[in-house]
Amino acid sequence: MSGHRGAFRVELYLYDLSQGLAKSMSMGLLGKQIDGVWHTGVIVHGYEYYFGGGIQASRPGQTMAGNPTQIIQ
């Protein structure tokens, strides 16, 4: 958190739903490289917001996507 009034941390959780399979198998199967099958969640005010048949919210890292591949602040 910064010292500015009203400022708060926002994080982007990036998930590879293929868990690495897209990166390792896409060239052979599709003839082109795909690094992942991506899903994202935005973490703000202690909750992760993501799309799953509508806007959903849960505690960070407790979605159906498992562990994030990358966290971007």
Protein backbone atom coordinates (compact mmCIF):
# COMPACT_ATOMS: atom_id res chain seq x y z
CA MET A 1 0.00 0.00 0.00
CA SER A 2 1.22 3.45 -0.75
CA GLY A 3 0.97 6.37 1.64
CA HIS A 4 -1.57 8.13 -0.57
CA ARG A 5 -5.08 8.40 0.77
CA GLY A 6 -7.43 6.02 -1.02
CA ALA A 7 -4.63 4.04 -2.69
CA PHE A 8 -4.72 0.25 -2.54
CA ARG A 9 -2.90 -2.71 -4.06
CA VAL A 10 -4.32 -4.41 -7.14
CA GLU A 11 -2.88 -7.66 -8.45
CA LEU A 12 -3.57 -9.68 -11.59
CA TYR A 13 -3.40 -13.46 -11.15
CA LEU A 14 -2.58 -15.20 -14.43
CA TYR A 15 -3.47 -18.90 -14.73
CA ASP A 16 -2.56 -21.42 -17.44
CA LEU A 17 -5.60 -23.70 -17.45
CA SER A 18 -3.67 -26.29 -19.49
CA GLN A 19 -1.02 -26.48 -16.71
CA GLY A 20 1.82 -26.38 -19.26
CA LEU A 21 0.32 -28.83 -21.81
CA ALA A 22 -0.47 -26.10 -24.35
CA LYS A 23 3.14 -24.95 -24.37
CA SER A 24 4.60 -28.45 -24.65
CA MET A 25 2.14 -29.95 -27.16
CA SER A 26 0.76 -27.13 -29.31
CA MET A 27 3.52 -27.12 -31.95
CA GLY A 28 3.08 -30.83 -32.69
CA LEU A 29 -0.71 -30.75 -32.60
CA LEU A 30 -1.46 -27.36 -34.18
CA GLY A 31 1.71 -26.45 -36.07
CA LYS A 32 2.08 -23.24 -34.03
CA GLN A 33 3.26 -22.40 -30.55
CA ILE A 34 0.64 -21.52 -27.93
CA ASP A 35 2.14 -20.70 -24.53
CA GLY A 36 -0.98 -21.36 -22.48
CA VAL A 37 -4.74 -21.39 -22.16
CA TRP A 38 -5.10 -18.25 -20.09
CA HIS A 39 -7.52 -17.25 -17.36
CA THR A 40 -7.13 -14.17 -15.14
CA GLY A 41 -8.40 -12.91 -11.82
CA VAL A 42 -8.10 -9.41 -10.38
CA ILE A 43 -7.29 -9.21 -6.66
CA VAL A 44 -8.50 -6.09 -4.88
CA HIS A 45 -9.63 -5.46 -1.29
CA GLY A 46 -8.87 -9.07 -0.29
CA TYR A 47 -10.98 -10.79 -2.96
CA GLU A 48 -10.25 -12.30 -6.35
CA TYR A 49 -12.75 -11.30 -9.04
CA TYR A 50 -12.95 -13.41 -12.20
CA PHE A 51 -15.36 -14.48 -14.91
CA GLY A 52 -16.90 -17.93 -14.57
CA GLY A 53 -20.33 -17.89 -16.21
CA GLY A 54 -20.70 -14.38 -14.72
CA ILE A 55 -18.60 -12.25 -12.40
CA GLN A 56 -17.46 -14.37 -9.43
CA ALA A 57 -15.55 -13.51 -6.25
CA SER A 58 -13.54 -15.64 -3.84
CA ARG A 59 -10.50 -15.46 -1.61
CA PRO A 60 -7.28 -15.11 -3.66
CA GLY A 61 -5.95 -18.40 -5.03
CA GLN A 62 -9.07 -20.39 -4.09
CA THR A 63 -10.72 -20.46 -7.52
CA MET A 64 -11.24 -23.50 -9.73
CA ALA A 65 -8.08 -22.49 -11.66
CA GLY A 66 -5.65 -23.71 -8.99
CA ASN A 67 -2.39 -21.88 -8.38
CA PRO A 68 -1.55 -18.81 -10.49
CA THR A 69 1.23 -19.14 -13.06
CA GLN A 70 2.19 -15.50 -12.55
CA ILE A 71 1.17 -12.60 -10.27
CA ILE A 72 1.43 -9.09 -11.71
CA GLN A 73 1.14 -6.05 -9.41
